[in-house]
């Protein structure tokens, strides 16, 4: 998991087999995903519903990172991540992608898809957190 500086107050933390999920003030949720090179739809949905339970189905800002820098969502997971079902609970998505090629692939995907909320890639937690904080209503 990415080291979270003390200045970011964690309100709640849950661990599920697929990920660690942290809730911060103002409904900012950080998810660190474990696993191999592909994130399957079952894992994506499990994480989504765990976050909904944690936030009591309220809208939230999401920050996501993966243990393996080569991890990508499966086709079904990518469809779900931009689906209307998920969009009802997401104000913005920030992805922490340290490696250049996966980050460029994500940015291309963002530009070529209709997504109903802001999405952006970052190389570190601090910048991702600052960005979602700047979007707060």
Foldseek 3Di string as FASTA:
>chain_A
DDDDDPVFDFPDWDDDPFWIWTATPPQEIETEGEDDQEDEPVNLVVVLVVSCVVVVNAAHEYEYEYPDLNHDYDPNSVCVVQDPVSLSRYQEYEYARQDDPVQVVVVVVVVVDDHPHYYHYHNDDVVSVVVVVVVRD
